[in-house]
C-alpha atoms as a PDB file:
ATOM      1  CA  MET A   1     151.045 149.961 135.515  1.00  0.00           C
ATOM      2  CA  LEU A   2     147.418 149.871 136.592  1.00  0.00           C
ATOM      3  CA  PRO A   3     146.074 152.661 138.807  1.00  0.00           C
ATOM      4  CA  THR A   4     145.363 151.935 142.472  1.00  0.00           C
ATOM      5  CA  MET A   5     141.626 151.708 143.077  1.00  0.00           C
ATOM      6  CA  ALA A   6     139.422 151.397 146.112  1.00  0.00           C
ATOM      7  CA  PRO A   7     138.887 147.822 147.278  1.00  0.00           C
ATOM      8  CA  VAL A   8     135.618 146.171 146.386  1.00  0.00           C
ATOM      9  CA  ARG A   9     133.687 143.330 147.959  1.00  0.00           C
ATOM     10  CA  ARG A  10     133.964 139.947 146.202  1.00  0.00           C
ATOM     11  CA  THR A  11     131.454 137.421 147.531  1.00  0.00           C
ATOM     12  CA  PRO A  12     130.395 134.020 146.159  1.00  0.00           C
ATOM     13  CA  PHE A  13     127.085 134.245 144.312  1.00  0.00           C
ATOM     14  CA  LEU A  14     125.228 131.824 146.543  1.00  0.00           C
ATOM     15  CA  ALA A  15     126.379 133.417 149.775  1.00  0.00           C
ATOM     16  CA  PRO A  16     124.239 132.371 152.745  1.00  0.00           C
ATOM     17  CA  CYS A  17     120.951 134.256 152.697  1.00  0.00           C
ATOM     18  CA  THR A  18     118.732 135.253 155.577  1.00  0.00           C
ATOM     19  CA  THR A  19     115.875 132.886 154.666  1.00  0.00           C
ATOM     20  CA  PRO A  20     115.434 129.651 152.704  1.00  0.00           C
ATOM     21  CA  GLU A  21     113.154 131.558 150.328  1.00  0.00           C
ATOM     22  CA  ALA A  22     115.879 134.128 149.625  1.00  0.00           C
ATOM     23  CA  GLN A  23     118.381 131.309 149.045  1.00  0.00           C
ATOM     24  CA  ALA A  24     115.997 129.601 146.587  1.00  0.00           C
ATOM     25  CA  LEU A  25     115.452 132.898 144.728  1.00  0.00           C
ATOM     26  CA  ALA A  26     119.225 133.461 144.501  1.00  0.00           C
ATOM     27  CA  ALA A  27     119.660 129.928 143.090  1.00  0.00           C
ATOM     28  CA  ARG A  28     117.001 130.613 140.438  1.00  0.00           C
ATOM     29  CA  ARG A  29     118.664 133.910 139.490  1.00  0.00           C
ATOM     30  CA  LEU A  30     122.012 132.180 139.181  1.00  0.00           C
ATOM     31  CA  ALA A  31     120.505 129.510 136.907  1.00  0.00           C
ATOM     32  CA  LEU A  32     119.132 132.290 134.689  1.00  0.00           C
ATOM     33  CA  LEU A  33     122.499 134.079 134.561  1.00  0.00           C
ATOM     34  CA  LEU A  34     124.340 130.883 133.651  1.00  0.00           C
ATOM     35  CA  ALA A  35     121.844 130.073 130.879  1.00  0.00           C
ATOM     36  CA  GLN A  36     121.546 133.500 129.232  1.00  0.00           C
ATOM     37  CA  ASP A  37     123.397 133.973 125.962  1.00  0.00           C
ATOM     38  CA  GLY A  38     123.404 137.747 125.684  1.00  0.00           C
ATOM     39  CA  SER A  39     126.066 140.242 126.680  1.00  0.00           C
ATOM     40  CA  PRO A  40     127.060 139.841 130.353  1.00  0.00           C
ATOM     41  CA  THR A  41     128.197 143.487 130.313  1.00  0.00           C
ATOM     42  CA  ARG A  42     124.756 144.704 129.279  1.00  0.00           C
ATOM     43  CA  LEU A  43     123.137 142.418 131.844  1.00  0.00           C
ATOM     44  CA  CYS A  44     125.342 143.809 134.621  1.00  0.00           C
ATOM     45  CA  GLU A  45     124.428 147.350 133.591  1.00  0.00           C
ATOM     46  CA  ARG A  46     120.706 146.588 133.595  1.00  0.00           C
ATOM     47  CA  LEU A  47     120.895 145.029 137.053  1.00  0.00           C
ATOM     48  CA  LEU A  48     122.944 147.935 138.367  1.00  0.00           C
ATOM     49  CA  GLY A  49     120.932 150.618 136.585  1.00  0.00           C
ATOM     50  CA  ALA A  50     124.201 152.314 135.594  1.00  0.00           C
ATOM     51  CA  PRO A  51     127.373 151.615 133.622  1.00  0.00           C
ATOM     52  CA  VAL A  52     129.696 149.044 135.168  1.00  0.00           C
ATOM     53  CA  TYR A  53     133.311 149.719 135.953  1.00  0.00           C
ATOM     54  CA  LEU A  54     135.934 147.492 134.336  1.00  0.00           C
ATOM     55  CA  ARG A  55     138.923 146.692 136.547  1.00  0.00           C
ATOM     56  CA  LEU A  56     141.673 145.160 134.453  1.00  0.00           C
ATOM     57  CA  VAL A  57     143.512 142.708 136.707  1.00  0.00           C
ATOM     58  CA  ARG A  58     146.019 141.581 134.093  1.00  0.00           C
ATOM     59  CA  GLN A  59     146.354 141.759 130.345  1.00  0.00           C
ATOM     60  CA  ARG A  60     149.132 140.575 128.079  1.00  0.00           C
ATOM     61  CA  GLU A  61     149.877 139.598 124.541  1.00  0.00           C
ATOM     62  CA  THR A  62     151.238 136.068 124.347  1.00  0.00           C
ATOM     63  CA  ARG A  63     151.916 133.098 122.117  1.00  0.00           C
ATOM     64  CA  GLU A  64     151.815 130.691 125.086  1.00  0.00           C
ATOM     65  CA  VAL A  65     148.386 129.512 126.243  1.00  0.00           C
ATOM     66  CA  PRO A  66     147.165 126.296 127.879  1.00  0.00           C
ATOM     67  CA  GLY A  67     146.718 123.461 125.365  1.00  0.00           C
ATOM     68  CA  VAL A  68     142.962 123.283 125.914  1.00  0.00           C
ATOM     69  CA  ILE A  69     142.682 126.973 124.962  1.00  0.00           C
ATOM     70  CA  ARG A  70     144.721 126.455 121.792  1.00  0.00           C
ATOM     71  CA  ALA A  71     142.558 123.438 120.854  1.00  0.00           C
ATOM     72  CA  LEU A  72     139.315 125.428 121.275  1.00  0.00           C
ATOM     73  CA  LEU A  73     140.662 128.672 119.815  1.00  0.00           C
ATOM     74  CA  PRO A  74     143.319 127.995 117.180  1.00  0.00           C
ATOM     75  CA  ALA A  75     145.695 130.936 116.653  1.00  0.00           C
ATOM     76  CA  THR A  76     149.370 131.813 116.768  1.00  0.00           C
ATOM     77  CA  ALA A  77     149.013 134.960 118.892  1.00  0.00           C
ATOM     78  CA  TYR A  78     146.644 135.754 121.753  1.00  0.00           C
ATOM     79  CA  ILE A  79     145.603 138.481 124.136  1.00  0.00           C
ATOM     80  CA  GLU A  80     144.995 137.137 127.642  1.00  0.00           C
ATOM     81  CA  ARG A  81     142.744 139.396 129.711  1.00  0.00           C
ATOM     82  CA  ILE A  82     141.674 138.945 133.328  1.00  0.00           C
ATOM     83  CA  SER A  83     139.082 141.480 134.399  1.00  0.00           C
ATOM     84  CA  THR A  84     136.423 142.298 136.947  1.00  0.00           C
ATOM     85  CA  LYS A  85     133.127 144.075 136.376  1.00  0.00           C
ATOM     86  CA  GLU A  86     132.157 146.163 139.386  1.00  0.00           C
ATOM     87  CA  GLY A  87     129.260 148.266 140.505  1.00  0.00           C
ATOM     88  CA  ALA A  88     128.145 149.851 143.772  1.00  0.00           C
ATOM     89  CA  GLY A  89     131.391 148.801 145.485  1.00  0.00           C
ATOM     90  CA  GLN A  90     130.889 145.100 144.730  1.00  0.00           C
ATOM     91  CA  VAL A  91     132.232 142.643 142.208  1.00  0.00           C
ATOM     92  CA  MET A  92     129.512 141.559 139.805  1.00  0.00           C
ATOM     93  CA  MET A  93     131.667 139.115 137.853  1.00  0.00           C
ATOM     94  CA  ASP A  94     135.241 138.045 137.204  1.00  0.00           C
ATOM     95  CA  ALA A  95     136.401 136.801 133.819  1.00  0.00           C
ATOM     96  CA  ILE A  96     139.389 135.525 131.920  1.00  0.00           C
ATOM     97  CA  ALA A  97     139.367 135.856 128.156  1.00  0.00           C
ATOM     98  CA  TYR A  98     141.662 134.595 125.463  1.00  0.00           C
ATOM     99  CA  ILE A  99     141.374 136.505 122.222  1.00  0.00           C
ATOM    100  CA  ALA A 100     142.779 135.089 118.987  1.00  0.00           C
ATOM    101  CA  ALA A 101     144.872 138.059 117.886  1.00  0.00           C
ATOM    102  CA  ASP A 102     145.619 136.802 114.362  1.00  0.00           C
ATOM    103  CA  ASP A 103     143.890 139.162 111.899  1.00  0.00           C
ATOM    104  CA  LEU A 104     142.045 140.955 114.717  1.00  0.00           C
ATOM    105  CA  PRO A 105     140.429 144.139 113.324  1.00  0.00           C
ATOM    106  CA  ALA A 106     142.625 147.126 114.220  1.00  0.00           C
ATOM    107  CA  THR A 107     139.912 149.070 116.066  1.00  0.00           C
ATOM    108  CA  LEU A 108     138.940 146.041 118.168  1.00  0.00           C
ATOM    109  CA  ARG A 109     142.598 145.279 118.923  1.00  0.00           C
ATOM    110  CA  ALA A 110     143.237 148.875 119.988  1.00  0.00           C
ATOM    111  CA  GLY A 111     140.130 148.886 122.184  1.00  0.00           C
ATOM    112  CA  LEU A 112     141.115 145.621 123.862  1.00  0.00           C
ATOM    113  CA  LEU A 113     144.704 146.695 124.475  1.00  0.00           C
ATOM    114  CA  ALA A 114     143.571 150.045 125.906  1.00  0.00           C
ATOM    115  CA  GLY A 115     141.843 148.035 128.657  1.00  0.00           C
ATOM    116  CA  CYS A 116     139.262 150.726 129.412  1.00  0.00           C
ATOM    117  CA  LEU A 117     136.006 149.169 128.200  1.00  0.00           C
ATOM    118  CA  PRO A 118     134.257 145.885 128.860  1.00  0.00           C
ATOM    119  CA  MET A 119     134.157 143.554 125.867  1.00  0.00           C
ATOM    120  CA  GLY A 120     130.395 143.975 125.621  1.00  0.00           C
ATOM    121  CA  HIS A 121     130.986 147.588 124.599  1.00  0.00           C
ATOM    122  CA  LEU A 122     133.851 146.767 122.259  1.00  0.00           C
ATOM    123  CA  LEU A 123     131.824 144.093 120.452  1.00  0.00           C
ATOM    124  CA  GLY A 124     128.666 146.190 120.113  1.00  0.00           C
ATOM    125  CA  GLY A 125     128.915 146.601 116.340  1.00  0.00           C
ATOM    126  CA  HIS A 126     130.204 143.098 115.584  1.00  0.00           C
ATOM    127  CA  TRP A 127     128.270 139.938 114.777  1.00  0.00           C
ATOM    128  CA  VAL A 128     129.068 137.297 117.379  1.00  0.00           C
ATOM    129  CA  ARG A 129     127.646 133.936 118.348  1.00  0.00           C
ATOM    130  CA  ARG A 130     128.214 132.398 121.776  1.00  0.00           C
ATOM    131  CA  VAL A 131     129.031 128.697 121.817  1.00  0.00           C
ATOM    132  CA  PRO A 132     128.713 127.199 125.336  1.00  0.00           C
ATOM    133  CA  LEU A 133     131.697 125.108 126.448  1.00  0.00           C
ATOM    134  CA  ALA A 134     132.537 122.766 129.271  1.00  0.00           C
ATOM    135  CA  PRO A 135     134.467 125.016 131.674  1.00  0.00           C
ATOM    136  CA  PRO A 136     138.214 124.573 131.055  1.00  0.00           C
ATOM    137  CA  ASP A 137     139.843 123.992 134.451  1.00  0.00           C
ATOM    138  CA  GLU A 138     143.073 125.643 133.309  1.00  0.00           C
ATOM    139  CA  ALA A 139     141.319 128.937 132.551  1.00  0.00           C
ATOM    140  CA  PHE A 140     139.397 129.006 135.816  1.00  0.00           C
ATOM    141  CA  GLY A 141     142.550 128.087 137.727  1.00  0.00           C
ATOM    142  CA  LEU A 142     144.342 131.121 136.277  1.00  0.00           C
ATOM    143  CA  LEU A 143     141.341 133.358 136.940  1.00  0.00           C
ATOM    144  CA  TRP A 144     140.910 132.293 140.539  1.00  0.00           C
ATOM    145  CA  GLU A 145     144.647 132.452 141.171  1.00  0.00           C
ATOM    146  CA  ALA A 146     144.522 136.103 140.098  1.00  0.00           C
ATOM    147  CA  VAL A 147     141.333 137.181 141.919  1.00  0.00           C
ATOM    148  CA  GLY A 148     140.696 134.498 144.555  1.00  0.00           C
ATOM    149  CA  CYS A 149     137.285 133.232 145.641  1.00  0.00           C
ATOM    150  CA  PRO A 150     136.817 130.085 143.493  1.00  0.00           C
ATOM    151  CA  ASP A 151     133.142 129.411 142.776  1.00  0.00           C
ATOM    152  CA  ALA A 152     132.678 126.657 140.181  1.00  0.00           C
ATOM    153  CA  GLY A 153     128.903 126.548 140.699  1.00  0.00           C
ATOM    154  CA  ALA A 154     128.562 130.166 139.543  1.00  0.00           C
ATOM    155  CA  SER A 155     130.878 129.828 136.545  1.00  0.00           C
ATOM    156  CA  ARG A 156     130.495 129.194 132.844  1.00  0.00           C
ATOM    157  CA  ALA A 157     132.604 129.269 129.703  1.00  0.00           C
ATOM    158  CA  TYR A 158     131.872 129.959 126.076  1.00  0.00           C
ATOM    159  CA  ARG A 159     133.560 130.729 122.800  1.00  0.00           C
ATOM    160  CA  LEU A 160     132.646 133.799 120.776  1.00  0.00           C
ATOM    161  CA  ASP A 161     132.572 133.082 117.078  1.00  0.00           C
ATOM    162  CA  THR A 162     132.584 135.843 114.491  1.00  0.00           C
ATOM    163  CA  ALA A 163     131.960 135.706 110.759  1.00  0.00           C
ATOM    164  CA  GLN A 164     135.702 135.006 110.390  1.00  0.00           C
ATOM    165  CA  GLY A 165     135.577 132.029 112.799  1.00  0.00           C
ATOM    166  CA  PRO A 166     136.345 131.456 116.508  1.00  0.00           C
ATOM    167  CA  ARG A 167     137.678 134.679 118.044  1.00  0.00           C
ATOM    168  CA  MET A 168     137.460 134.563 121.870  1.00  0.00           C
ATOM    169  CA  LEU A 169     137.229 132.060 124.687  1.00  0.00           C
ATOM    170  CA  ILE A 170     135.723 133.496 127.867  1.00  0.00           C
ATOM    171  CA  ALA A 171     135.426 131.896 131.304  1.00  0.00           C
ATOM    172  CA  GLU A 172     133.453 133.931 133.836  1.00  0.00           C
ATOM    173  CA  THR A 173     132.302 133.674 137.418  1.00  0.00           C
ATOM    174  CA  PHE A 174     129.209 135.517 138.597  1.00  0.00           C
ATOM    175  CA  ARG A 175     129.422 137.090 142.058  1.00  0.00           C
ATOM    176  CA  ALA A 176     126.894 138.166 144.669  1.00  0.00           C
ATOM    177  CA  GLY A 177     127.179 141.743 143.379  1.00  0.00           C
ATOM    178  CA  MET A 178     124.835 140.576 140.571  1.00  0.00           C
ATOM    179  CA  GLU A 179     122.051 140.260 143.128  1.00  0.00           C
ATOM    180  CA  PRO A 180     119.910 143.400 143.275  1.00  0.00           C
ATOM    181  CA  ALA A 181     120.239 143.612 147.056  1.00  0.00           C
ATOM    182  CA  GLY A 182     124.002 143.009 146.974  1.00  0.00           C
ATOM    183  CA  ALA A 183     126.106 140.411 148.666  1.00  0.00           C
ATOM    184  CA  GLY A 184     123.863 139.119 151.428  1.00  0.00           C
ATOM    185  CA  ALA A 185     125.238 138.050 154.776  1.00  0.00           C
ATOM    186  CA  ALA A 186     128.417 136.258 153.715  1.00  0.00           C
ATOM    187  CA  PRO A 187     131.837 137.776 154.276  1.00  0.00           C
ATOM    188  CA  PRO A 188     133.864 138.689 151.167  1.00  0.00           C
ATOM    189  CA  CYS A 189     136.617 136.414 149.941  1.00  0.00           C
ATOM    190  CA  GLY A 190     139.460 136.539 147.480  1.00  0.00           C
ATOM    191  CA  LYS A 191     141.868 139.263 146.556  1.00  0.00           C
ATOM    192  CA  ARG A 192     140.915 142.901 146.249  1.00  0.00           C
END
């Protein structure tokens, strides 16, 4: 059972801004976020100027995953993880990850199942390569069903490959909490 936590504000990334210039700047920042290939966790922490908080929405071990996930990430066992990265009372990003659990190193498996740290921290000592993917609708559907606030324009997907081969498929949605000034003028949406 997950602990009860204070509600946070979840706002689409391109929430209406006060000026056209602010809206254009937000669009440029979003383009940069979608294109970057570094650790989203580390990026969130740099923008926030502090560690981010990981809210684990749902996590389970499973052998049943959508066919598109199995095709992109062949395995017999998976960990499905839906999480939110938060800072300053706002959602910075939501993500769903499928981790191929076959032959997963014991320390990484234990860290994932503990559900206390963002993946960017757990993968710090591992060699990984991000392979951009066309966003799988099934993954985003499950993510947005769990957290609400669909925002396809602020979403991306990629596979993390390790030296042993494909290991994780991650679909993430950036939120207005990534903006230095916060969520702008739009009301929050989605589930808390």
